[in-house]
Amino acid sequence: MKLAMYLVKYSDDEDCISSSNYVQKERRHECKKKLGSVRNVRRFCKVCYENNSNQLGRMRAKNCTKKVATYCADCFGSPFLCINKIILACFVWH
């Protein structure tokens, strides 16, 4: 009962912080490097491969797309991405 009275008392008070004043922190995507031997860990950059396969076809895309060891753990499926594509690609997807 004391809790209810306390909440009622401060809900009418103007000094109480309203939920509209709270600022949510945006979730930032981070580039992470896969652990282990780079030779065994590297995968095609997802964005570069999609662009190359649309323009050149699958076979040529496999030959000319960069392999990278960096990925975004915050994105669905943890895609491997080039360092210069990390910021743009993650925010386009989300």
PDB file of N, CA and C in Angstrom:
ATOM      1  N   MET A   1       0.814  -1.182   0.000  1.00  0.00           N
ATOM      2  CA  MET A   1       0.000   0.000   0.000  1.00  0.00           C
ATOM      3  C   MET A   1       0.867   1.259   0.000  1.00  0.00           C
ATOM      4  N   LYS A   2       1.987   1.175   0.732  1.00  0.00           N
ATOM      5  CA  LYS A   2       2.883   2.328   0.780  1.00  0.00           C
ATOM      6  C   LYS A   2       3.448   2.638  -0.602  1.00  0.00           C
ATOM      7  N   LEU A   3       3.736   1.587  -1.348  1.00  0.00           N
ATOM      8  CA  LEU A   3       4.276   1.767  -2.690  1.00  0.00           C
ATOM      9  C   LEU A   3       3.265   2.474  -3.588  1.00  0.00           C
ATOM     10  N   ALA A   4       2.015   2.076  -3.501  1.00  0.00           N
ATOM     11  CA  ALA A   4       0.971   2.706  -4.313  1.00  0.00           C
ATOM     12  C   ALA A   4       0.830   4.184  -3.955  1.00  0.00           C
ATOM     13  N   MET A   5       0.857   4.502  -2.704  1.00  0.00           N
ATOM     14  CA  MET A   5       0.741   5.894  -2.272  1.00  0.00           C
ATOM     15  C   MET A   5       1.954   6.706  -2.738  1.00  0.00           C
ATOM     16  N   TYR A   6       3.127   6.099  -2.679  1.00  0.00           N
ATOM     17  CA  TYR A   6       4.352   6.764  -3.123  1.00  0.00           C
ATOM     18  C   TYR A   6       4.274   7.066  -4.615  1.00  0.00           C
ATOM     19  N   LEU A   7       3.811   6.089  -5.387  1.00  0.00           N
ATOM     20  CA  LEU A   7       3.713   6.280  -6.826  1.00  0.00           C
ATOM     21  C   LEU A   7       2.673   7.336  -7.190  1.00  0.00           C
ATOM     22  N   VAL A   8       1.555   7.342  -6.504  1.00  0.00           N
ATOM     23  CA  VAL A   8       0.515   8.338  -6.762  1.00  0.00           C
ATOM     24  C   VAL A   8       1.022   9.733  -6.411  1.00  0.00           C
ATOM     25  N   LYS A   9       1.749   9.833  -5.305  1.00  0.00           N
ATOM     26  CA  LYS A   9       2.274  11.120  -4.856  1.00  0.00           C
ATOM     27  C   LYS A   9       3.208  11.724  -5.896  1.00  0.00           C
ATOM     28  N   TYR A  10       4.104  10.907  -6.453  1.00  0.00           N
ATOM     29  CA  TYR A  10       5.098  11.418  -7.384  1.00  0.00           C
ATOM     30  C   TYR A  10       4.638  11.421  -8.836  1.00  0.00           C
ATOM     31  N   SER A  11       3.525  10.789  -9.141  1.00  0.00           N
ATOM     32  CA  SER A  11       3.060  10.822 -10.529  1.00  0.00           C
ATOM     33  C   SER A  11       2.479  12.184 -10.878  1.00  0.00           C
ATOM     34  N   ASP A  12       1.980  12.918  -9.885  1.00  0.00           N
ATOM     35  CA  ASP A  12       1.417  14.241 -10.125  1.00  0.00           C
ATOM     36  C   ASP A  12       2.474  15.343 -10.019  1.00  0.00           C
ATOM     37  N   ASP A  13       3.620  15.010  -9.476  1.00  0.00           N
ATOM     38  CA  ASP A  13       4.682  15.984  -9.269  1.00  0.00           C
ATOM     39  C   ASP A  13       5.323  16.354 -10.602  1.00  0.00           C
ATOM     40  N   GLU A  14       5.582  17.647 -10.840  1.00  0.00           N
ATOM     41  CA  GLU A  14       6.171  18.097 -12.098  1.00  0.00           C
ATOM     42  C   GLU A  14       7.663  17.790 -12.164  1.00  0.00           C
ATOM     43  N   ASP A  15       8.297  17.592 -11.026  1.00  0.00           N
ATOM     44  CA  ASP A  15       9.728  17.308 -11.020  1.00  0.00           C
ATOM     45  C   ASP A  15      10.038  15.879 -11.436  1.00  0.00           C
ATOM     46  N   CYS A  16       9.046  15.056 -11.450  1.00  0.00           N
ATOM     47  CA  CYS A  16       9.242  13.654 -11.820  1.00  0.00           C
ATOM     48  C   CYS A  16       9.580  13.581 -13.309  1.00  0.00           C
ATOM     49  N   ILE A  17      10.485  12.726 -13.654  1.00  0.00           N
ATOM     50  CA  ILE A  17      10.910  12.578 -15.044  1.00  0.00           C
ATOM     51  C   ILE A  17       9.868  11.759 -15.798  1.00  0.00           C
ATOM     52  N   SER A  18       9.372  12.316 -16.883  1.00  0.00           N
ATOM     53  CA  SER A  18       8.379  11.586 -17.671  1.00  0.00           C
ATOM     54  C   SER A  18       9.087  10.672 -18.663  1.00  0.00           C
ATOM     55  N   SER A  19       8.360   9.723 -19.185  1.00  0.00           N
ATOM     56  CA  SER A  19       8.962   8.765 -20.113  1.00  0.00           C
ATOM     57  C   SER A  19       9.355   9.425 -21.421  1.00  0.00           C
ATOM     58  N   SER A  20       8.751  10.569 -21.752  1.00  0.00           N
ATOM     59  CA  SER A  20       9.107  11.258 -22.995  1.00  0.00           C
ATOM     60  C   SER A  20      10.477  11.910 -22.903  1.00  0.00           C
ATOM     61  N   ASN A  21      10.978  12.123 -21.688  1.00  0.00           N
ATOM     62  CA  ASN A  21      12.284  12.746 -21.518  1.00  0.00           C
ATOM     63  C   ASN A  21      13.432  11.750 -21.603  1.00  0.00           C
ATOM     64  N   TYR A  22      13.111  10.464 -21.524  1.00  0.00           N
ATOM     65  CA  TYR A  22      14.171   9.469 -21.600  1.00  0.00           C
ATOM     66  C   TYR A  22      14.705   9.389 -23.022  1.00  0.00           C
ATOM     67  N   VAL A  23      15.998   9.338 -23.135  1.00  0.00           N
ATOM     68  CA  VAL A  23      16.627   9.209 -24.442  1.00  0.00           C
ATOM     69  C   VAL A  23      17.207   7.810 -24.535  1.00  0.00           C
ATOM     70  N   GLN A  24      16.758   7.076 -25.515  1.00  0.00           N
ATOM     71  CA  GLN A  24      17.276   5.726 -25.686  1.00  0.00           C
ATOM     72  C   GLN A  24      18.584   5.788 -26.449  1.00  0.00           C
ATOM     73  N   LYS A  25      19.524   4.988 -26.012  1.00  0.00           N
ATOM     74  CA  LYS A  25      20.779   4.897 -26.727  1.00  0.00           C
ATOM     75  C   LYS A  25      20.555   4.051 -27.971  1.00  0.00           C
ATOM     76  N   GLU A  26      21.064   4.539 -29.085  1.00  0.00           N
ATOM     77  CA  GLU A  26      20.943   3.772 -30.316  1.00  0.00           C
ATOM     78  C   GLU A  26      21.950   2.641 -30.280  1.00  0.00           C
ATOM     79  N   ARG A  27      21.533   1.535 -30.795  1.00  0.00           N
ATOM     80  CA  ARG A  27      22.413   0.378 -30.851  1.00  0.00           C
ATOM     81  C   ARG A  27      23.412   0.586 -31.973  1.00  0.00           C
ATOM     82  N   ARG A  28      24.671   0.574 -31.632  1.00  0.00           N
ATOM     83  CA  ARG A  28      25.714   0.800 -32.624  1.00  0.00           C
ATOM     84  C   ARG A  28      26.262  -0.534 -33.110  1.00  0.00           C
ATOM     85  N   HIS A  29      26.414  -0.626 -34.387  1.00  0.00           N
ATOM     86  CA  HIS A  29      26.989  -1.822 -34.974  1.00  0.00           C
ATOM     87  C   HIS A  29      28.498  -1.739 -34.861  1.00  0.00           C
ATOM     88  N   GLU A  30      29.105  -2.856 -34.527  1.00  0.00           N
ATOM     89  CA  GLU A  30      30.552  -2.889 -34.353  1.00  0.00           C
ATOM     90  C   GLU A  30      31.170  -3.919 -35.273  1.00  0.00           C
ATOM     91  N   CYS A  31      32.307  -3.564 -35.778  1.00  0.00           N
ATOM     92  CA  CYS A  31      33.077  -4.472 -36.608  1.00  0.00           C
ATOM     93  C   CYS A  31      33.893  -5.380 -35.688  1.00  0.00           C
ATOM     94  N   LYS A  32      33.764  -6.670 -35.887  1.00  0.00           N
ATOM     95  CA  LYS A  32      34.540  -7.614 -35.096  1.00  0.00           C
ATOM     96  C   LYS A  32      35.331  -8.500 -36.038  1.00  0.00           C
ATOM     97  N   LYS A  33      36.469  -8.942 -35.557  1.00  0.00           N
ATOM     98  CA  LYS A  33      37.307  -9.818 -36.360  1.00  0.00           C
ATOM     99  C   LYS A  33      37.144 -11.242 -35.858  1.00  0.00           C
ATOM    100  N   LYS A  34      36.921 -12.159 -36.761  1.00  0.00           N
ATOM    101  CA  LYS A  34      36.732 -13.560 -36.411  1.00  0.00           C
ATOM    102  C   LYS A  34      38.047 -14.111 -35.861  1.00  0.00           C
ATOM    103  N   LEU A  35      37.952 -14.864 -34.792  1.00  0.00           N
ATOM    104  CA  LEU A  35      39.137 -15.451 -34.176  1.00  0.00           C
ATOM    105  C   LEU A  35      39.607 -16.662 -34.972  1.00  0.00           C
ATOM    106  N   GLY A  36      40.879 -16.902 -34.922  1.00  0.00           N
ATOM    107  CA  GLY A  36      41.441 -18.050 -35.609  1.00  0.00           C
ATOM    108  C   GLY A  36      42.336 -17.611 -36.748  1.00  0.00           C
ATOM    109  N   SER A  37      42.818 -18.593 -37.457  1.00  0.00           N
ATOM    110  CA  SER A  37      43.687 -18.332 -38.594  1.00  0.00           C
ATOM    111  C   SER A  37      42.898 -17.606 -39.682  1.00  0.00           C
ATOM    112  N   VAL A  38      43.431 -16.488 -40.150  1.00  0.00           N
ATOM    113  CA  VAL A  38      42.728 -15.694 -41.160  1.00  0.00           C
ATOM    114  C   VAL A  38      42.507 -16.516 -42.427  1.00  0.00           C
ATOM    115  N   ARG A  39      43.415 -17.373 -42.718  1.00  0.00           N
ATOM    116  CA  ARG A  39      43.296 -18.214 -43.911  1.00  0.00           C
ATOM    117  C   ARG A  39      42.041 -19.095 -43.849  1.00  0.00           C
ATOM    118  N   ASN A  40      41.715 -19.582 -42.675  1.00  0.00           N
ATOM    119  CA  ASN A  40      40.554 -20.461 -42.515  1.00  0.00           C
ATOM    120  C   ASN A  40      39.257 -19.704 -42.225  1.00  0.00           C
ATOM    121  N   VAL A  41      39.361 -18.462 -41.797  1.00  0.00           N
ATOM    122  CA  VAL A  41      38.204 -17.712 -41.327  1.00  0.00           C
ATOM    123  C   VAL A  41      37.575 -16.839 -42.419  1.00  0.00           C
ATOM    124  N   ARG A  42      38.352 -16.409 -43.395  1.00  0.00           N
ATOM    125  CA  ARG A  42      37.867 -15.430 -44.374  1.00  0.00           C
ATOM    126  C   ARG A  42      36.659 -15.920 -45.170  1.00  0.00           C
ATOM    127  N   ARG A  43      35.748 -14.977 -45.416  1.00  0.00           N
ATOM    128  CA  ARG A  43      34.563 -15.221 -46.234  1.00  0.00           C
ATOM    129  C   ARG A  43      34.389 -14.034 -47.172  1.00  0.00           C
ATOM    130  N   PHE A  44      33.530 -14.189 -48.185  1.00  0.00           N
ATOM    131  CA  PHE A  44      33.261 -13.097 -49.105  1.00  0.00           C
ATOM    132  C   PHE A  44      32.508 -11.979 -48.395  1.00  0.00           C
ATOM    133  N   CYS A  45      32.853 -10.734 -48.721  1.00  0.00           N
ATOM    134  CA  CYS A  45      32.094  -9.589 -48.232  1.00  0.00           C
ATOM    135  C   CYS A  45      30.694  -9.696 -48.825  1.00  0.00           C
ATOM    136  N   LYS A  46      29.685  -9.674 -47.970  1.00  0.00           N
ATOM    137  CA  LYS A  46      28.302  -9.876 -48.403  1.00  0.00           C
ATOM    138  C   LYS A  46      27.847  -8.819 -49.404  1.00  0.00           C
ATOM    139  N   VAL A  47      28.133  -7.557 -49.119  1.00  0.00           N
ATOM    140  CA  VAL A  47      27.685  -6.466 -49.980  1.00  0.00           C
ATOM    141  C   VAL A  47      28.418  -6.502 -51.323  1.00  0.00           C
ATOM    142  N   CYS A  48      29.724  -6.688 -51.285  1.00  0.00           N
ATOM    143  CA  CYS A  48      30.500  -6.743 -52.531  1.00  0.00           C
ATOM    144  C   CYS A  48      30.070  -7.934 -53.386  1.00  0.00           C
ATOM    145  N   TYR A  49      29.838  -9.091 -52.758  1.00  0.00           N
ATOM    146  CA  TYR A  49      29.437 -10.270 -53.512  1.00  0.00           C
ATOM    147  C   TYR A  49      28.075 -10.067 -54.176  1.00  0.00           C
ATOM    148  N   GLU A  50      27.133  -9.475 -53.440  1.00  0.00           N
ATOM    149  CA  GLU A  50      25.809  -9.221 -54.026  1.00  0.00           C
ATOM    150  C   GLU A  50      25.910  -8.289 -55.223  1.00  0.00           C
ATOM    151  N   ASN A  51      26.686  -7.214 -55.087  1.00  0.00           N
ATOM    152  CA  ASN A  51      26.852  -6.270 -56.192  1.00  0.00           C
ATOM    153  C   ASN A  51      27.520  -6.936 -57.391  1.00  0.00           C
ATOM    154  N   ASN A  52      28.597  -7.672 -57.137  1.00  0.00           N
ATOM    155  CA  ASN A  52      29.327  -8.317 -58.230  1.00  0.00           C
ATOM    156  C   ASN A  52      28.505  -9.416 -58.900  1.00  0.00           C
ATOM    157  N   SER A  53      27.762 -10.177 -58.125  1.00  0.00           N
ATOM    158  CA  SER A  53      26.980 -11.261 -58.727  1.00  0.00           C
ATOM    159  C   SER A  53      25.823 -10.704 -59.562  1.00  0.00           C
ATOM    160  N   ASN A  54      25.263  -9.570 -59.158  1.00  0.00           N
ATOM    161  CA  ASN A  54      24.213  -8.948 -59.963  1.00  0.00           C
ATOM    162  C   ASN A  54      24.763  -8.399 -61.278  1.00  0.00           C
ATOM    163  N   GLN A  55      25.971  -7.855 -61.237  1.00  0.00           N
ATOM    164  CA  GLN A  55      26.566  -7.248 -62.425  1.00  0.00           C
ATOM    165  C   GLN A  55      27.295  -8.258 -63.303  1.00  0.00           C
ATOM    166  N   LEU A  56      28.043  -9.173 -62.677  1.00  0.00           N
ATOM    167  CA  LEU A  56      28.947 -10.043 -63.428  1.00  0.00           C
ATOM    168  C   LEU A  56      28.516 -11.496 -63.500  1.00  0.00           C
ATOM    169  N   GLY A  57      27.630 -11.901 -62.636  1.00  0.00           N
ATOM    170  CA  GLY A  57      27.257 -13.308 -62.556  1.00  0.00           C
ATOM    171  C   GLY A  57      28.004 -14.001 -61.426  1.00  0.00           C
ATOM    172  N   ARG A  58      27.526 -15.186 -61.054  1.00  0.00           N
ATOM    173  CA  ARG A  58      28.049 -15.899 -59.895  1.00  0.00           C
ATOM    174  C   ARG A  58      29.512 -16.293 -60.045  1.00  0.00           C
ATOM    175  N   MET A  59      29.879 -16.842 -61.181  1.00  0.00           N
ATOM    176  CA  MET A  59      31.255 -17.352 -61.361  1.00  0.00           C
ATOM    177  C   MET A  59      32.289 -16.227 -61.298  1.00  0.00           C
ATOM    178  N   ARG A  60      32.035 -15.133 -61.972  1.00  0.00           N
ATOM    179  CA  ARG A  60      32.985 -14.022 -61.958  1.00  0.00           C
ATOM    180  C   ARG A  60      32.995 -13.346 -60.589  1.00  0.00           C
ATOM    181  N   ALA A  61      31.845 -13.315 -59.935  1.00  0.00           N
ATOM    182  CA  ALA A  61      31.776 -12.692 -58.608  1.00  0.00           C
ATOM    183  C   ALA A  61      32.634 -13.467 -57.607  1.00  0.00           C
ATOM    184  N   LYS A  62      32.622 -14.784 -57.693  1.00  0.00           N
ATOM    185  CA  LYS A  62      33.450 -15.586 -56.778  1.00  0.00           C
ATOM    186  C   LYS A  62      34.931 -15.317 -56.984  1.00  0.00           C
ATOM    187  N   ASN A  63      35.332 -15.027 -58.215  1.00  0.00           N
ATOM    188  CA  ASN A  63      36.749 -14.802 -58.506  1.00  0.00           C
ATOM    189  C   ASN A  63      37.232 -13.395 -58.146  1.00  0.00           C
ATOM    190  N   CYS A  64      36.356 -12.405 -58.204  1.00  0.00           N
ATOM    191  CA  CYS A  64      36.844 -11.035 -58.007  1.00  0.00           C
ATOM    192  C   CYS A  64      36.382 -10.374 -56.707  1.00  0.00           C
ATOM    193  N   THR A  65      35.553 -11.035 -55.911  1.00  0.00           N
ATOM    194  CA  THR A  65      35.089 -10.443 -54.653  1.00  0.00           C
ATOM    195  C   THR A  65      36.117 -10.657 -53.549  1.00  0.00           C
ATOM    196  N   LYS A  66      36.309  -9.601 -52.735  1.00  0.00           N
ATOM    197  CA  LYS A  66      37.267  -9.677 -51.631  1.00  0.00           C
ATOM    198  C   LYS A  66      36.806 -10.657 -50.568  1.00  0.00           C
ATOM    199  N   LYS A  67      37.751 -11.337 -49.963  1.00  0.00           N
ATOM    200  CA  LYS A  67      37.474 -12.165 -48.793  1.00  0.00           C
ATOM    201  C   LYS A  67      37.957 -11.402 -47.574  1.00  0.00           C
ATOM    202  N   VAL A  68      37.133 -11.384 -46.538  1.00  0.00           N
ATOM    203  CA  VAL A  68      37.448 -10.606 -45.337  1.00  0.00           C
ATOM    204  C   VAL A  68      37.239 -11.447 -44.089  1.00  0.00           C
ATOM    205  N   ALA A  69      37.849 -11.021 -42.995  1.00  0.00           N
ATOM    206  CA  ALA A  69      37.703 -11.712 -41.710  1.00  0.00           C
ATOM    207  C   ALA A  69      36.899 -10.881 -40.731  1.00  0.00           C
ATOM    208  N   THR A  70      36.353  -9.741 -41.166  1.00  0.00           N
ATOM    209  CA  THR A  70      35.573  -8.870 -40.290  1.00  0.00           C
ATOM    210  C   THR A  70      34.085  -9.086 -40.533  1.00  0.00           C
ATOM    211  N   TYR A  71      33.314  -9.014 -39.448  1.00  0.00           N
ATOM    212  CA  TYR A  71      31.877  -9.232 -39.548  1.00  0.00           C
ATOM    213  C   TYR A  71      31.156  -8.320 -38.571  1.00  0.00           C
ATOM    214  N   CYS A  72      29.844  -8.189 -38.754  1.00  0.00           N
ATOM    215  CA  CYS A  72      29.012  -7.398 -37.850  1.00  0.00           C
ATOM    216  C   CYS A  72      28.183  -8.366 -37.016  1.00  0.00           C
ATOM    217  N   ALA A  73      28.481  -8.448 -35.734  1.00  0.00           N
ATOM    218  CA  ALA A  73      27.797  -9.395 -34.854  1.00  0.00           C
ATOM    219  C   ALA A  73      26.379  -8.945 -34.527  1.00  0.00           C
ATOM    220  N   ASP A  74      26.072  -7.658 -34.722  1.00  0.00           N
ATOM    221  CA  ASP A  74      24.752  -7.140 -34.383  1.00  0.00           C
ATOM    222  C   ASP A  74      23.717  -7.379 -35.476  1.00  0.00           C
ATOM    223  N   CYS A  75      24.163  -7.617 -36.689  1.00  0.00           N
ATOM    224  CA  CYS A  75      23.237  -7.855 -37.800  1.00  0.00           C
ATOM    225  C   CYS A  75      22.783  -9.309 -37.809  1.00  0.00           C
ATOM    226  N   PHE A  76      21.611  -9.543 -38.386  1.00  0.00           N
ATOM    227  CA  PHE A  76      21.073 -10.890 -38.487  1.00  0.00           C
ATOM    228  C   PHE A  76      21.999 -11.749 -39.341  1.00  0.00           C
ATOM    229  N   GLY A  77      22.395 -12.877 -38.845  1.00  0.00           N
ATOM    230  CA  GLY A  77      23.262 -13.793 -39.570  1.00  0.00           C
ATOM    231  C   GLY A  77      24.742 -13.461 -39.481  1.00  0.00           C
ATOM    232  N   SER A  78      25.099 -12.401 -38.785  1.00  0.00           N
ATOM    233  CA  SER A  78      26.492 -11.957 -38.635  1.00  0.00           C
ATOM    234  C   SER A  78      27.236 -11.964 -39.970  1.00  0.00           C
ATOM    235  N   PRO A  79      26.822 -11.109 -40.913  1.00  0.00           N
ATOM    236  CA  PRO A  79      27.453 -11.127 -42.240  1.00  0.00           C
ATOM    237  C   PRO A  79      28.876 -10.607 -42.208  1.00  0.00           C
ATOM    238  N   PHE A  80      29.706 -11.190 -43.052  1.00  0.00           N
ATOM    239  CA  PHE A  80      31.067 -10.707 -43.228  1.00  0.00           C
ATOM    240  C   PHE A  80      31.003  -9.489 -44.129  1.00  0.00           C
ATOM    241  N   LEU A  81      31.704  -8.416 -43.732  1.00  0.00           N
ATOM    242  CA  LEU A  81      31.657  -7.161 -44.464  1.00  0.00           C
ATOM    243  C   LEU A  81      33.037  -6.533 -44.538  1.00  0.00           C
ATOM    244  N   CYS A  82      33.284  -5.814 -45.621  1.00  0.00           N
ATOM    245  CA  CYS A  82      34.527  -5.043 -45.738  1.00  0.00           C
ATOM    246  C   CYS A  82      34.521  -3.949 -44.679  1.00  0.00           C
ATOM    247  N   ILE A  83      35.687  -3.509 -44.283  1.00  0.00           N
ATOM    248  CA  ILE A  83      35.792  -2.447 -43.287  1.00  0.00           C
ATOM    249  C   ILE A  83      35.085  -1.190 -43.789  1.00  0.00           C
ATOM    250  N   ASN A  84      35.278  -0.822 -45.045  1.00  0.00           N
ATOM    251  CA  ASN A  84      34.666   0.399 -45.553  1.00  0.00           C
ATOM    252  C   ASN A  84      33.175   0.256 -45.804  1.00  0.00           C
ATOM    253  N   LYS A  85      32.646  -0.961 -45.813  1.00  0.00           N
ATOM    254  CA  LYS A  85      31.223  -1.174 -46.042  1.00  0.00           C
ATOM    255  C   LYS A  85      30.469  -1.414 -44.731  1.00  0.00           C
ATOM    256  N   ILE A  86      31.170  -1.584 -43.625  1.00  0.00           N
ATOM    257  CA  ILE A  86      30.530  -1.968 -42.368  1.00  0.00           C
ATOM    258  C   ILE A  86      29.444  -0.968 -41.974  1.00  0.00           C
ATOM    259  N   ILE A  87      29.772   0.289 -41.898  1.00  0.00           N
ATOM    260  CA  ILE A  87      28.819   1.272 -41.406  1.00  0.00           C
ATOM    261  C   ILE A  87      27.621   1.384 -42.338  1.00  0.00           C
ATOM    262  N   LEU A  88      27.870   1.506 -43.619  1.00  0.00           N
ATOM    263  CA  LEU A  88      26.776   1.671 -44.566  1.00  0.00           C
ATOM    264  C   LEU A  88      25.883   0.435 -44.640  1.00  0.00           C
ATOM    265  N   ALA A  89      26.479  -0.722 -44.743  1.00  0.00           N
ATOM    266  CA  ALA A  89      25.706  -1.941 -44.925  1.00  0.00           C
ATOM    267  C   ALA A  89      24.832  -2.252 -43.714  1.00  0.00           C
ATOM    268  N   CYS A  90      25.380  -2.136 -42.535  1.00  0.00           N
ATOM    269  CA  CYS A  90      24.609  -2.466 -41.332  1.00  0.00           C
ATOM    270  C   CYS A  90      23.422  -1.544 -41.165  1.00  0.00           C
ATOM    271  N   PHE A  91      23.602  -0.269 -41.422  1.00  0.00           N
ATOM    272  CA  PHE A  91      22.508   0.650 -41.215  1.00  0.00           C
ATOM    273  C   PHE A  91      21.470   0.586 -42.324  1.00  0.00           C
ATOM    274  N   VAL A  92      21.843   0.158 -43.489  1.00  0.00           N
ATOM    275  CA  VAL A  92      20.863  -0.017 -44.563  1.00  0.00           C
ATOM    276  C   VAL A  92      19.954  -1.183 -44.221  1.00  0.00           C
ATOM    277  N   TRP A  93      20.495  -2.234 -43.657  1.00  0.00           N
ATOM    278  CA  TRP A  93      19.694  -3.418 -43.332  1.00  0.00           C
ATOM    279  C   TRP A  93      18.772  -3.184 -42.145  1.00  0.00           C
ATOM    280  N   HIS A  94      19.136  -2.289 -41.220  1.00  0.00           N
ATOM    281  CA  HIS A  94      18.336  -2.108 -40.002  1.00  0.00           C
ATOM    282  C   HIS A  94      17.713  -0.764 -39.950  1.00  0.00           C
TER     283      HIS A  94
END
